[in-house]
Amino acid sequence: MRRVVLALLAVLPVCGPALAADPAGLWLTETGSSRVKITPCGGGYCGTIVSAPGKALDAKNPDPALRSRSVVGVQILNAQKADGPSYTGSLYNPNDGKTYSGSLRLTGPNALEVSGCVMSVFCKSQTWTRVN
C-alpha cells in the first residue's frame, strides 16, 4: 500500500501542469488579422488587442470621443468568473462597437474558444490559436 501511495505522489507533479490549463498568453484571432494578449486579472482573465491590421480605429465605438482611437491597447475581454472549465464575463467587439456577454475556454493547449452572446441565446464562437 505504501508503495502505491509513493508511486502516485511521484506521478502527480508530472500530471499537475497538464491539468492546470492556463489561457494566458498571446493569441491569434480566427481571421488571423489581430493578436490578443490574455493575462490573469481578478479571478479570471482579461484580453487586450496588441496588433491589428491597417489603421485599426475603434470607429464603431458607441462613444463618439473614442472613435478615432486605435484598437491596439483596447481591452476587449473581461472574463473574471470561473464557470467550470470556462471563464465568463464580457467581450467587446470593435467591428460593431458592441459589448456582449462572453466566455473563453481552452479546447487544447493551443486552441481557445471565445464566445459572445446576445440575450444568452444567440451566440457566436471563434477559435483562436496560441502564438508561440
N, C-alpha and C. Protein backbone atom coordinates (compact mmCIF):
# COMPACT_ATOMS: atom_id res chain seq x y z
N MET A 1 0.83 -1.19 0.00
CA MET A 1 0.00 0.00 0.00
C MET A 1 0.88 1.26 0.00
N ARG A 2 1.91 1.24 0.82
CA ARG A 2 2.79 2.39 0.91
C ARG A 2 3.46 2.67 -0.44
N ARG A 3 3.86 1.61 -1.14
CA ARG A 3 4.49 1.76 -2.46
C ARG A 3 3.52 2.39 -3.46
N VAL A 4 2.26 2.01 -3.39
CA VAL A 4 1.25 2.57 -4.30
C VAL A 4 1.10 4.07 -4.05
N VAL A 5 1.01 4.48 -2.79
CA VAL A 5 0.87 5.89 -2.45
C VAL A 5 2.10 6.66 -2.91
N LEU A 6 3.28 6.13 -2.67
CA LEU A 6 4.50 6.80 -3.10
C LEU A 6 4.57 6.90 -4.62
N ALA A 7 4.13 5.87 -5.32
CA ALA A 7 4.12 5.89 -6.77
C ALA A 7 3.17 6.97 -7.29
N LEU A 8 2.01 7.10 -6.67
CA LEU A 8 1.05 8.14 -7.07
C LEU A 8 1.60 9.53 -6.81
N LEU A 9 2.24 9.72 -5.66
CA LEU A 9 2.82 11.01 -5.34
C LEU A 9 3.94 11.38 -6.31
N ALA A 10 4.67 10.40 -6.76
CA ALA A 10 5.75 10.65 -7.71
C ALA A 10 5.21 11.06 -9.07
N VAL A 11 4.03 10.60 -9.44
CA VAL A 11 3.44 10.90 -10.74
C VAL A 11 2.71 12.24 -10.74
N LEU A 12 2.15 12.67 -9.62
CA LEU A 12 1.34 13.88 -9.56
C LEU A 12 2.04 15.13 -10.09
N PRO A 13 3.30 15.41 -9.75
CA PRO A 13 3.91 16.61 -10.31
C PRO A 13 3.97 16.60 -11.82
N VAL A 14 4.11 15.43 -12.43
CA VAL A 14 4.14 15.33 -13.89
C VAL A 14 2.77 15.65 -14.46
N CYS A 15 1.70 15.22 -13.80
CA CYS A 15 0.34 15.45 -14.29
C CYS A 15 -0.16 16.85 -13.97
N GLY A 16 0.35 17.48 -12.95
CA GLY A 16 -0.16 18.77 -12.49
C GLY A 16 -0.30 19.82 -13.57
N PRO A 17 0.75 20.18 -14.30
CA PRO A 17 0.63 21.23 -15.30
C PRO A 17 -0.36 20.89 -16.41
N ALA A 18 -0.47 19.63 -16.78
CA ALA A 18 -1.41 19.25 -17.83
C ALA A 18 -2.84 19.48 -17.39
N LEU A 19 -3.11 19.33 -16.10
CA LEU A 19 -4.46 19.52 -15.59
C LEU A 19 -4.78 21.00 -15.39
N ALA A 20 -3.77 21.79 -15.09
CA ALA A 20 -3.99 23.21 -14.82
C ALA A 20 -3.75 24.01 -16.08
N ALA A 21 -4.67 23.95 -17.03
CA ALA A 21 -4.54 24.68 -18.29
C ALA A 21 -4.65 26.18 -18.04
N ASP A 22 -3.81 26.94 -18.68
CA ASP A 22 -3.76 28.37 -18.48
C ASP A 22 -3.90 29.09 -19.82
N PRO A 23 -4.97 29.87 -20.00
CA PRO A 23 -5.13 30.57 -21.28
C PRO A 23 -4.29 31.84 -21.41
N ALA A 24 -3.50 32.17 -20.40
CA ALA A 24 -2.66 33.36 -20.50
C ALA A 24 -1.67 33.19 -21.64
N GLY A 25 -1.46 34.26 -22.38
CA GLY A 25 -0.51 34.25 -23.48
C GLY A 25 -0.99 35.09 -24.64
N LEU A 26 -0.34 34.92 -25.77
CA LEU A 26 -0.65 35.68 -26.97
C LEU A 26 -1.44 34.80 -27.93
N TRP A 27 -2.56 35.32 -28.44
CA TRP A 27 -3.48 34.54 -29.28
C TRP A 27 -3.75 35.27 -30.59
N LEU A 28 -3.82 34.50 -31.67
CA LEU A 28 -4.17 34.99 -32.99
C LEU A 28 -5.66 34.74 -33.18
N THR A 29 -6.41 35.78 -33.55
CA THR A 29 -7.85 35.61 -33.73
C THR A 29 -8.12 34.68 -34.91
N GLU A 30 -9.35 34.21 -35.00
CA GLU A 30 -9.72 33.23 -36.03
C GLU A 30 -9.46 33.74 -37.44
N THR A 31 -9.66 35.02 -37.68
CA THR A 31 -9.42 35.57 -39.01
C THR A 31 -7.93 35.72 -39.30
N GLY A 32 -7.11 35.63 -38.26
CA GLY A 32 -5.67 35.76 -38.42
C GLY A 32 -5.20 37.19 -38.56
N SER A 33 -6.11 38.14 -38.35
CA SER A 33 -5.74 39.54 -38.57
C SER A 33 -5.31 40.28 -37.31
N SER A 34 -5.69 39.81 -36.15
CA SER A 34 -5.35 40.50 -34.91
C SER A 34 -4.75 39.56 -33.88
N ARG A 35 -3.99 40.14 -32.97
CA ARG A 35 -3.43 39.37 -31.85
C ARG A 35 -3.94 39.97 -30.55
N VAL A 36 -4.28 39.06 -29.63
CA VAL A 36 -4.82 39.46 -28.34
C VAL A 36 -3.97 38.85 -27.25
N LYS A 37 -3.53 39.68 -26.31
CA LYS A 37 -2.76 39.19 -25.17
C LYS A 37 -3.72 38.96 -24.01
N ILE A 38 -3.75 37.72 -23.52
CA ILE A 38 -4.61 37.37 -22.40
C ILE A 38 -3.74 37.23 -21.16
N THR A 39 -4.16 37.92 -20.11
CA THR A 39 -3.43 37.92 -18.85
C THR A 39 -4.38 37.65 -17.69
N PRO A 40 -3.85 37.12 -16.59
CA PRO A 40 -4.70 36.94 -15.40
C PRO A 40 -5.18 38.30 -14.90
N CYS A 41 -6.43 38.37 -14.48
CA CYS A 41 -6.95 39.58 -13.84
C CYS A 41 -8.14 39.18 -12.97
N GLY A 42 -8.22 39.78 -11.80
CA GLY A 42 -9.29 39.39 -10.88
C GLY A 42 -9.20 37.89 -10.64
N GLY A 43 -10.30 37.20 -10.71
CA GLY A 43 -10.31 35.75 -10.54
C GLY A 43 -10.27 35.01 -11.86
N GLY A 44 -10.04 35.73 -12.97
CA GLY A 44 -10.05 35.09 -14.28
C GLY A 44 -9.03 35.70 -15.21
N TYR A 45 -9.49 36.13 -16.40
CA TYR A 45 -8.58 36.60 -17.42
C TYR A 45 -9.14 37.80 -18.16
N CYS A 46 -8.23 38.66 -18.62
CA CYS A 46 -8.58 39.81 -19.45
C CYS A 46 -7.78 39.73 -20.74
N GLY A 47 -8.32 40.27 -21.81
CA GLY A 47 -7.63 40.24 -23.09
C GLY A 47 -7.57 41.62 -23.71
N THR A 48 -6.39 41.97 -24.23
CA THR A 48 -6.14 43.27 -24.83
C THR A 48 -5.57 43.08 -26.22
N ILE A 49 -6.08 43.84 -27.19
CA ILE A 49 -5.55 43.78 -28.56
C ILE A 49 -4.14 44.35 -28.56
N VAL A 50 -3.18 43.59 -29.11
CA VAL A 50 -1.81 44.07 -29.19
C VAL A 50 -1.37 44.34 -30.62
N SER A 51 -2.11 43.82 -31.61
CA SER A 51 -1.84 44.17 -33.00
C SER A 51 -3.10 43.94 -33.82
N ALA A 52 -3.26 44.81 -34.82
CA ALA A 52 -4.42 44.74 -35.72
C ALA A 52 -4.00 45.32 -37.06
N PRO A 53 -4.66 44.91 -38.15
CA PRO A 53 -4.25 45.39 -39.48
C PRO A 53 -4.70 46.83 -39.75
N GLY A 54 -3.97 47.48 -40.62
CA GLY A 54 -4.35 48.82 -41.08
C GLY A 54 -4.37 49.85 -39.97
N LYS A 55 -5.22 50.86 -40.14
CA LYS A 55 -5.35 51.92 -39.14
C LYS A 55 -5.96 51.38 -37.86
N ALA A 56 -6.84 50.40 -37.99
CA ALA A 56 -7.46 49.71 -36.85
C ALA A 56 -8.05 50.69 -35.83
N LEU A 57 -8.88 51.58 -36.31
CA LEU A 57 -9.53 52.54 -35.42
C LEU A 57 -10.78 51.92 -34.81
N ASP A 58 -11.13 52.40 -33.65
CA ASP A 58 -12.32 51.95 -32.93
C ASP A 58 -13.53 52.74 -33.43
N ALA A 59 -13.70 52.78 -34.75
CA ALA A 59 -14.67 53.64 -35.43
C ALA A 59 -16.13 53.37 -35.07
N LYS A 60 -16.45 52.17 -34.61
CA LYS A 60 -17.84 51.83 -34.28
C LYS A 60 -18.14 51.97 -32.78
N ASN A 61 -17.20 52.51 -32.03
CA ASN A 61 -17.40 52.65 -30.59
C ASN A 61 -18.64 53.50 -30.32
N PRO A 62 -19.49 53.11 -29.37
CA PRO A 62 -20.69 53.90 -29.08
C PRO A 62 -20.38 55.30 -28.52
N ASP A 63 -19.17 55.49 -28.01
CA ASP A 63 -18.76 56.80 -27.50
C ASP A 63 -18.04 57.54 -28.64
N PRO A 64 -18.64 58.58 -29.20
CA PRO A 64 -18.02 59.30 -30.32
C PRO A 64 -16.60 59.78 -30.02
N ALA A 65 -16.30 60.09 -28.77
CA ALA A 65 -14.96 60.57 -28.40
C ALA A 65 -13.90 59.48 -28.56
N LEU A 66 -14.29 58.21 -28.61
CA LEU A 66 -13.33 57.11 -28.71
C LEU A 66 -13.19 56.56 -30.13
N ARG A 67 -13.95 57.07 -31.06
CA ARG A 67 -13.95 56.51 -32.42
C ARG A 67 -12.68 56.75 -33.21
N SER A 68 -11.87 57.69 -32.80
CA SER A 68 -10.62 57.94 -33.53
C SER A 68 -9.42 57.25 -32.89
N ARG A 69 -9.63 56.54 -31.78
CA ARG A 69 -8.51 55.84 -31.12
C ARG A 69 -8.21 54.53 -31.85
N SER A 70 -6.99 54.09 -31.70
CA SER A 70 -6.59 52.78 -32.24
C SER A 70 -7.17 51.69 -31.34
N VAL A 71 -7.51 50.55 -31.95
CA VAL A 71 -7.99 49.43 -31.13
C VAL A 71 -6.83 48.73 -30.43
N VAL A 72 -5.61 48.97 -30.90
CA VAL A 72 -4.44 48.40 -30.23
C VAL A 72 -4.35 49.03 -28.84
N GLY A 73 -4.32 48.17 -27.83
CA GLY A 73 -4.29 48.63 -26.46
C GLY A 73 -5.66 48.60 -25.79
N VAL A 74 -6.71 48.30 -26.56
CA VAL A 74 -8.06 48.26 -26.01
C VAL A 74 -8.33 46.88 -25.40
N GLN A 75 -8.81 46.88 -24.17
CA GLN A 75 -9.20 45.62 -23.53
C GLN A 75 -10.54 45.20 -24.11
N ILE A 76 -10.58 44.01 -24.72
CA ILE A 76 -11.82 43.54 -25.34
C ILE A 76 -12.44 42.37 -24.59
N LEU A 77 -11.69 41.80 -23.68
CA LEU A 77 -12.17 40.61 -22.97
C LEU A 77 -12.00 40.81 -21.47
N ASN A 78 -13.09 40.55 -20.74
CA ASN A 78 -13.06 40.62 -19.28
C ASN A 78 -13.84 39.41 -18.77
N ALA A 79 -13.15 38.32 -18.55
CA ALA A 79 -13.78 37.06 -18.14
C ALA A 79 -13.24 36.65 -16.78
N GLN A 80 -13.80 37.22 -15.72
CA GLN A 80 -13.26 37.02 -14.39
C GLN A 80 -14.00 35.98 -13.55
N LYS A 81 -15.06 35.42 -14.09
CA LYS A 81 -15.83 34.46 -13.30
C LYS A 81 -15.58 33.05 -13.83
N ALA A 82 -14.99 32.20 -12.98
CA ALA A 82 -14.76 30.81 -13.36
C ALA A 82 -16.10 30.09 -13.41
N ASP A 83 -16.30 29.33 -14.48
CA ASP A 83 -17.54 28.58 -14.68
C ASP A 83 -17.16 27.20 -15.22
N GLY A 84 -16.76 26.32 -14.31
CA GLY A 84 -16.24 25.01 -14.74
C GLY A 84 -14.94 25.21 -15.48
N PRO A 85 -14.83 24.65 -16.70
CA PRO A 85 -13.59 24.81 -17.47
C PRO A 85 -13.52 26.15 -18.22
N SER A 86 -14.56 26.95 -18.10
CA SER A 86 -14.64 28.23 -18.81
C SER A 86 -14.54 29.40 -17.85
N TYR A 87 -14.35 30.58 -18.42
CA TYR A 87 -14.42 31.83 -17.69
C TYR A 87 -15.43 32.71 -18.41
N THR A 88 -16.34 33.31 -17.67
CA THR A 88 -17.38 34.12 -18.29
C THR A 88 -17.23 35.58 -17.88
N GLY A 89 -17.79 36.44 -18.71
CA GLY A 89 -17.74 37.87 -18.45
C GLY A 89 -18.27 38.62 -19.64
N SER A 90 -17.49 39.59 -20.13
CA SER A 90 -17.93 40.39 -21.27
C SER A 90 -16.86 40.42 -22.36
N LEU A 91 -17.34 40.68 -23.57
CA LEU A 91 -16.48 40.70 -24.75
C LEU A 91 -16.88 41.89 -25.61
N TYR A 92 -15.93 42.80 -25.85
CA TYR A 92 -16.18 43.97 -26.70
C TYR A 92 -15.74 43.64 -28.11
N ASN A 93 -16.60 43.89 -29.08
CA ASN A 93 -16.29 43.65 -30.48
C ASN A 93 -16.09 45.00 -31.18
N PRO A 94 -14.85 45.40 -31.47
CA PRO A 94 -14.63 46.69 -32.12
C PRO A 94 -15.18 46.75 -33.54
N ASN A 95 -15.48 45.59 -34.15
CA ASN A 95 -16.04 45.60 -35.50
C ASN A 95 -17.46 46.15 -35.55
N ASP A 96 -18.20 46.03 -34.45
CA ASP A 96 -19.55 46.60 -34.42
C ASP A 96 -19.77 47.55 -33.23
N GLY A 97 -18.76 47.70 -32.37
CA GLY A 97 -18.85 48.62 -31.24
C GLY A 97 -19.74 48.15 -30.11
N LYS A 98 -20.07 46.86 -30.09
CA LYS A 98 -20.98 46.35 -29.07
C LYS A 98 -20.24 45.45 -28.08
N THR A 99 -20.78 45.41 -26.86
CA THR A 99 -20.25 44.54 -25.82
C THR A 99 -21.25 43.43 -25.58
N TYR A 100 -20.75 42.20 -25.56
CA TYR A 100 -21.59 41.02 -25.42
C TYR A 100 -21.23 40.26 -24.15
N SER A 101 -22.16 39.45 -23.67
CA SER A 101 -21.77 38.51 -22.62
C SER A 101 -20.85 37.52 -23.32
N GLY A 102 -19.77 37.14 -22.67
CA GLY A 102 -18.79 36.32 -23.35
C GLY A 102 -18.17 35.28 -22.45
N SER A 103 -17.43 34.39 -23.09
CA SER A 103 -16.72 33.36 -22.35
C SER A 103 -15.49 32.94 -23.13
N LEU A 104 -14.57 32.33 -22.41
CA LEU A 104 -13.41 31.72 -23.05
C LEU A 104 -13.16 30.37 -22.41
N ARG A 105 -12.68 29.45 -23.24
CA ARG A 105 -12.43 28.09 -22.77
C ARG A 105 -11.34 27.48 -23.63
N LEU A 106 -10.32 26.96 -22.96
CA LEU A 106 -9.27 26.24 -23.68
C LEU A 106 -9.84 24.93 -24.19
N THR A 107 -9.65 24.67 -25.47
CA THR A 107 -10.10 23.40 -26.05
C THR A 107 -8.92 22.51 -26.39
N GLY A 108 -7.73 23.03 -26.20
CA GLY A 108 -6.49 22.30 -26.44
C GLY A 108 -5.36 23.20 -25.98
N PRO A 109 -4.13 22.72 -25.97
CA PRO A 109 -3.02 23.54 -25.48
C PRO A 109 -2.81 24.81 -26.30
N ASN A 110 -3.21 24.78 -27.58
CA ASN A 110 -3.01 25.93 -28.47
C ASN A 110 -4.30 26.40 -29.12
N ALA A 111 -5.44 26.05 -28.53
CA ALA A 111 -6.74 26.44 -29.09
C ALA A 111 -7.62 27.01 -27.98
N LEU A 112 -8.17 28.19 -28.24
CA LEU A 112 -9.02 28.88 -27.28
C LEU A 112 -10.34 29.21 -27.95
N GLU A 113 -11.44 28.73 -27.37
CA GLU A 113 -12.76 29.06 -27.90
C GLU A 113 -13.26 30.31 -27.19
N VAL A 114 -13.57 31.33 -27.98
CA VAL A 114 -14.07 32.60 -27.45
C VAL A 114 -15.48 32.77 -27.99
N SER A 115 -16.45 32.97 -27.09
CA SER A 115 -17.85 33.10 -27.49
C SER A 115 -18.44 34.40 -27.00
N GLY A 116 -19.31 34.96 -27.82
CA GLY A 116 -20.06 36.15 -27.44
C GLY A 116 -21.53 35.87 -27.69
N CYS A 117 -22.38 36.32 -26.76
CA CYS A 117 -23.82 36.02 -26.85
C CYS A 117 -24.66 37.28 -26.67
N VAL A 118 -25.80 37.27 -27.35
CA VAL A 118 -26.84 38.29 -27.17
C VAL A 118 -27.99 37.60 -26.46
N MET A 119 -28.41 38.13 -25.34
CA MET A 119 -29.51 37.58 -24.55
C MET A 119 -29.28 36.11 -24.17
N SER A 120 -28.04 35.72 -24.09
CA SER A 120 -27.65 34.35 -23.71
C SER A 120 -28.26 33.28 -24.61
N VAL A 121 -28.78 33.67 -25.76
CA VAL A 121 -29.42 32.72 -26.67
C VAL A 121 -28.69 32.67 -28.00
N PHE A 122 -28.44 33.82 -28.56
CA PHE A 122 -27.79 33.90 -29.86
C PHE A 122 -26.30 34.07 -29.64
N CYS A 123 -25.55 33.00 -29.88
CA CYS A 123 -24.12 33.01 -29.59
C CYS A 123 -23.31 32.74 -30.86
N LYS A 124 -22.12 33.30 -30.87
CA LYS A 124 -21.18 33.07 -31.95
C LYS A 124 -19.83 32.77 -31.31
N SER A 125 -19.15 31.78 -31.84
CA SER A 125 -17.85 31.39 -31.28
C SER A 125 -16.76 31.48 -32.33
N GLN A 126 -15.56 31.72 -31.86
CA GLN A 126 -14.36 31.69 -32.69
C GLN A 126 -13.33 30.84 -31.97
N THR A 127 -12.45 30.24 -32.73
CA THR A 127 -11.31 29.54 -32.15
C THR A 127 -10.06 30.34 -32.45
N TRP A 128 -9.40 30.76 -31.39
CA TRP A 128 -8.15 31.48 -31.52
C TRP A 128 -6.99 30.51 -31.34
N THR A 129 -5.86 30.82 -31.97
CA THR A 129 -4.68 29.96 -31.95
C THR A 129 -3.56 30.64 -31.16
N ARG A 130 -2.95 29.85 -30.27
CA ARG A 130 -1.85 30.40 -29.46
C ARG A 130 -0.67 30.72 -30.36
N VAL A 131 -0.05 31.88 -30.10
CA VAL A 131 1.15 32.30 -30.81
C VAL A 131 2.34 31.95 -29.93
N ASN A 132 3.29 31.20 -30.46
CA ASN A 132 4.46 30.79 -29.67
C ASN A 132 5.56 31.81 -29.72
